């Protein structure tokens, strides 16, 4: 993200079975969001 922190889960990303399992076991889930930069100068 622009602030170099974790972001809330985007609405377009579904919750995965692994995420559900981890949350059920008491783990936290963190999302990272990246933006591709143009490599042409």
PDB file of N, CA and C in Angstrom:
ATOM      1  N   UNK A   1       0.840  -1.187   0.000  1.00  0.00           N
ATOM      2  CA  UNK A   1       0.000   0.000   0.000  1.00  0.00           C
ATOM      3  C   UNK A   1       0.875   1.237   0.000  1.00  0.00           C
ATOM      4  N   UNK A   2       0.275   2.354  -0.246  1.00  0.00           N
ATOM      5  CA  UNK A   2       1.024   3.611  -0.289  1.00  0.00           C
ATOM      6  C   UNK A   2       1.621   3.956   1.069  1.00  0.00           C
ATOM      7  N   UNK A   3       1.014   3.464   2.139  1.00  0.00           N
ATOM      8  CA  UNK A   3       1.503   3.762   3.485  1.00  0.00           C
ATOM      9  C   UNK A   3       2.428   2.682   4.015  1.00  0.00           C
ATOM     10  N   UNK A   4       2.746   1.687   3.190  1.00  0.00           N
ATOM     11  CA  UNK A   4       3.635   0.581   3.556  1.00  0.00           C
ATOM     12  C   UNK A   4       3.133  -0.183   4.778  1.00  0.00           C
ATOM     13  N   UNK A   5       1.819  -0.357   4.854  1.00  0.00           N
ATOM     14  CA  UNK A   5       1.206  -1.126   5.931  1.00  0.00           C
ATOM     15  C   UNK A   5       0.280  -2.161   5.321  1.00  0.00           C
ATOM     16  N   UNK A   6      -0.319  -2.970   6.171  1.00  0.00           N
ATOM     17  CA  UNK A   6      -1.288  -3.949   5.700  1.00  0.00           C
ATOM     18  C   UNK A   6      -2.589  -3.241   5.352  1.00  0.00           C
ATOM     19  N   UNK A   7      -3.362  -3.838   4.460  1.00  0.00           N
ATOM     20  CA  UNK A   7      -4.647  -3.272   4.060  1.00  0.00           C
ATOM     21  C   UNK A   7      -5.759  -4.241   4.446  1.00  0.00           C
ATOM     22  N   UNK A   8      -6.980  -3.728   4.530  1.00  0.00           N
ATOM     23  CA  UNK A   8      -8.116  -4.605   4.765  1.00  0.00           C
ATOM     24  C   UNK A   8      -8.341  -5.448   3.522  1.00  0.00           C
ATOM     25  N   UNK A   9      -8.918  -6.627   3.708  1.00  0.00           N
ATOM     26  CA  UNK A   9      -9.146  -7.527   2.579  1.00  0.00           C
ATOM     27  C   UNK A   9      -9.996  -6.825   1.534  1.00  0.00           C
ATOM     28  N   UNK A  10      -9.501  -6.757   0.291  1.00  0.00           N
ATOM     29  CA  UNK A  10     -10.292  -6.145  -0.777  1.00  0.00           C
ATOM     30  C   UNK A  10     -11.596  -6.916  -0.987  1.00  0.00           C
ATOM     31  N   UNK A  11     -12.665  -6.210  -1.310  1.00  0.00           N
ATOM     32  CA  UNK A  11     -13.969  -6.853  -1.490  1.00  0.00           C
ATOM     33  C   UNK A  11     -13.947  -7.834  -2.651  1.00  0.00           C
ATOM     34  N   UNK A  12     -13.055  -7.640  -3.616  1.00  0.00           N
ATOM     35  CA  UNK A  12     -13.002  -8.522  -4.782  1.00  0.00           C
ATOM     36  C   UNK A  12     -12.241  -9.820  -4.503  1.00  0.00           C
ATOM     37  N   UNK A  13     -11.544  -9.894  -3.355  1.00  0.00           N
ATOM     38  CA  UNK A  13     -10.792 -11.115  -3.050  1.00  0.00           C
ATOM     39  C   UNK A  13     -11.617 -12.011  -2.134  1.00  0.00           C
ATOM     40  N   UNK A  14     -11.919 -13.222  -2.587  1.00  0.00           N
ATOM     41  CA  UNK A  14     -12.696 -14.134  -1.738  1.00  0.00           C
ATOM     42  C   UNK A  14     -11.858 -14.644  -0.562  1.00  0.00           C
ATOM     43  N   UNK A  15     -12.541 -15.004   0.502  1.00  0.00           N
ATOM     44  CA  UNK A  15     -11.872 -15.614   1.651  1.00  0.00           C
ATOM     45  C   UNK A  15     -11.536 -17.053   1.267  1.00  0.00           C
ATOM     46  N   UNK A  16     -10.279 -17.435   1.441  1.00  0.00           N
ATOM     47  CA  UNK A  16      -9.856 -18.785   1.061  1.00  0.00           C
ATOM     48  C   UNK A  16     -10.118 -19.773   2.195  1.00  0.00           C
ATOM     49  N   UNK A  17     -10.105 -21.048   1.860  1.00  0.00           N
ATOM     50  CA  UNK A  17     -10.305 -22.075   2.896  1.00  0.00           C
ATOM     51  C   UNK A  17      -9.152 -22.057   3.891  1.00  0.00           C
ATOM     52  N   UNK A  18      -7.961 -21.713   3.437  1.00  0.00           N
ATOM     53  CA  UNK A  18      -6.804 -21.644   4.324  1.00  0.00           C
ATOM     54  C   UNK A  18      -6.951 -20.480   5.305  1.00  0.00           C
ATOM     55  N   UNK A  19      -7.475 -19.367   4.794  1.00  0.00           N
ATOM     56  CA  UNK A  19      -7.714 -18.201   5.637  1.00  0.00           C
ATOM     57  C   UNK A  19      -8.774 -18.519   6.694  1.00  0.00           C
ATOM     58  N   UNK A  20      -9.860 -19.163   6.274  1.00  0.00           N
ATOM     59  CA  UNK A  20     -10.919 -19.546   7.219  1.00  0.00           C
ATOM     60  C   UNK A  20     -10.365 -20.449   8.307  1.00  0.00           C
ATOM     61  N   UNK A  21      -9.540 -21.408   7.903  1.00  0.00           N
ATOM     62  CA  UNK A  21      -8.960 -22.346   8.868  1.00  0.00           C
ATOM     63  C   UNK A  21      -8.056 -21.611   9.848  1.00  0.00           C
ATOM     64  N   UNK A  22      -7.210 -20.738   9.333  1.00  0.00           N
ATOM     65  CA  UNK A  22      -6.298 -19.989  10.196  1.00  0.00           C
ATOM     66  C   UNK A  22      -7.031 -19.110  11.191  1.00  0.00           C
ATOM     67  N   UNK A  23      -8.053 -18.420  10.725  1.00  0.00           N
ATOM     68  CA  UNK A  23      -8.845 -17.572  11.614  1.00  0.00           C
ATOM     69  C   UNK A  23      -9.531 -18.430  12.669  1.00  0.00           C
ATOM     70  N   UNK A  24     -10.031 -19.580  12.255  1.00  0.00           N
ATOM     71  CA  UNK A  24     -10.663 -20.498  13.191  1.00  0.00           C
ATOM     72  C   UNK A  24      -9.711 -20.993  14.269  1.00  0.00           C
ATOM     73  N   UNK A  25      -8.425 -21.046  13.931  1.00  0.00           N
ATOM     74  CA  UNK A  25      -7.405 -21.474  14.892  1.00  0.00           C
ATOM     75  C   UNK A  25      -6.848 -20.307  15.711  1.00  0.00           C
ATOM     76  N   UNK A  26      -7.394 -19.114  15.473  1.00  0.00           N
ATOM     77  CA  UNK A  26      -6.974 -17.946  16.247  1.00  0.00           C
ATOM     78  C   UNK A  26      -5.867 -17.118  15.628  1.00  0.00           C
ATOM     79  N   UNK A  27      -5.517 -17.403  14.377  1.00  0.00           N
ATOM     80  CA  UNK A  27      -4.462 -16.642  13.703  1.00  0.00           C
ATOM     81  C   UNK A  27      -5.037 -15.379  13.077  1.00  0.00           C
ATOM     82  N   UNK A  28      -4.179 -14.387  12.895  1.00  0.00           N
ATOM     83  CA  UNK A  28      -4.575 -13.174  12.201  1.00  0.00           C
ATOM     84  C   UNK A  28      -4.227 -13.323  10.727  1.00  0.00           C
ATOM     85  N   UNK A  29      -4.969 -12.639   9.892  1.00  0.00           N
ATOM     86  CA  UNK A  29      -4.721 -12.654   8.451  1.00  0.00           C
ATOM     87  C   UNK A  29      -4.423 -11.226   8.020  1.00  0.00           C
ATOM     88  N   UNK A  30      -3.364 -11.058   7.248  1.00  0.00           N
ATOM     89  CA  UNK A  30      -2.958  -9.740   6.783  1.00  0.00           C
ATOM     90  C   UNK A  30      -2.924  -9.735   5.264  1.00  0.00           C
ATOM     91  N   UNK A  31      -3.392  -8.660   4.674  1.00  0.00           N
ATOM     92  CA  UNK A  31      -3.367  -8.513   3.224  1.00  0.00           C
ATOM     93  C   UNK A  31      -2.342  -7.459   2.842  1.00  0.00           C
ATOM     94  N   UNK A  32      -1.658  -7.722   1.752  1.00  0.00           N
ATOM     95  CA  UNK A  32      -0.735  -6.764   1.155  1.00  0.00           C
ATOM     96  C   UNK A  32      -1.265  -6.430  -0.229  1.00  0.00           C
ATOM     97  N   UNK A  33      -1.172  -5.187  -0.607  1.00  0.00           N
ATOM     98  CA  UNK A  33      -1.655  -4.777  -1.920  1.00  0.00           C
ATOM     99  C   UNK A  33      -0.528  -4.035  -2.616  1.00  0.00           C
ATOM    100  N   UNK A  34      -0.190  -4.495  -3.806  1.00  0.00           N
ATOM    101  CA  UNK A  34       0.911  -3.907  -4.562  1.00  0.00           C
ATOM    102  C   UNK A  34       0.388  -3.264  -5.831  1.00  0.00           C
ATOM    103  N   UNK A  35       1.105  -2.270  -6.298  1.00  0.00           N
ATOM    104  CA  UNK A  35       0.768  -1.623  -7.560  1.00  0.00           C
ATOM    105  C   UNK A  35       1.986  -1.727  -8.462  1.00  0.00           C
ATOM    106  N   UNK A  36       1.753  -2.233  -9.654  1.00  0.00           N
ATOM    107  CA  UNK A  36       2.842  -2.386 -10.614  1.00  0.00           C
ATOM    108  C   UNK A  36       3.301  -1.005 -11.079  1.00  0.00           C
ATOM    109  N   UNK A  37       4.610  -0.833 -11.119  1.00  0.00           N
ATOM    110  CA  UNK A  37       5.169   0.437 -11.583  1.00  0.00           C
ATOM    111  C   UNK A  37       5.641   0.261 -13.015  1.00  0.00           C
ATOM    112  N   UNK A  38       5.499   1.288 -13.794  1.00  0.00           N
ATOM    113  CA  UNK A  38       5.956   1.270 -15.174  1.00  0.00           C
ATOM    114  C   UNK A  38       7.478   1.211 -15.185  1.00  0.00           C
ATOM    115  N   UNK A  39       8.034   0.233 -15.879  1.00  0.00           N
ATOM    116  CA  UNK A  39       9.489   0.069 -15.893  1.00  0.00           C
ATOM    117  C   UNK A  39      10.161   0.900 -16.979  1.00  0.00           C
ATOM    118  N   UNK A  40       9.382   1.583 -17.796  1.00  0.00           N
ATOM    119  CA  UNK A  40       9.957   2.413 -18.863  1.00  0.00           C
ATOM    120  C   UNK A  40      10.291   3.796 -18.325  1.00  0.00           C
ATOM    121  N   UNK A  41      11.504   4.266 -18.646  1.00  0.00           N
ATOM    122  CA  UNK A  41      11.913   5.591 -18.150  1.00  0.00           C
ATOM    123  C   UNK A  41      11.936   6.593 -19.264  1.00  0.00           C
TER     124      UNK A  41
END
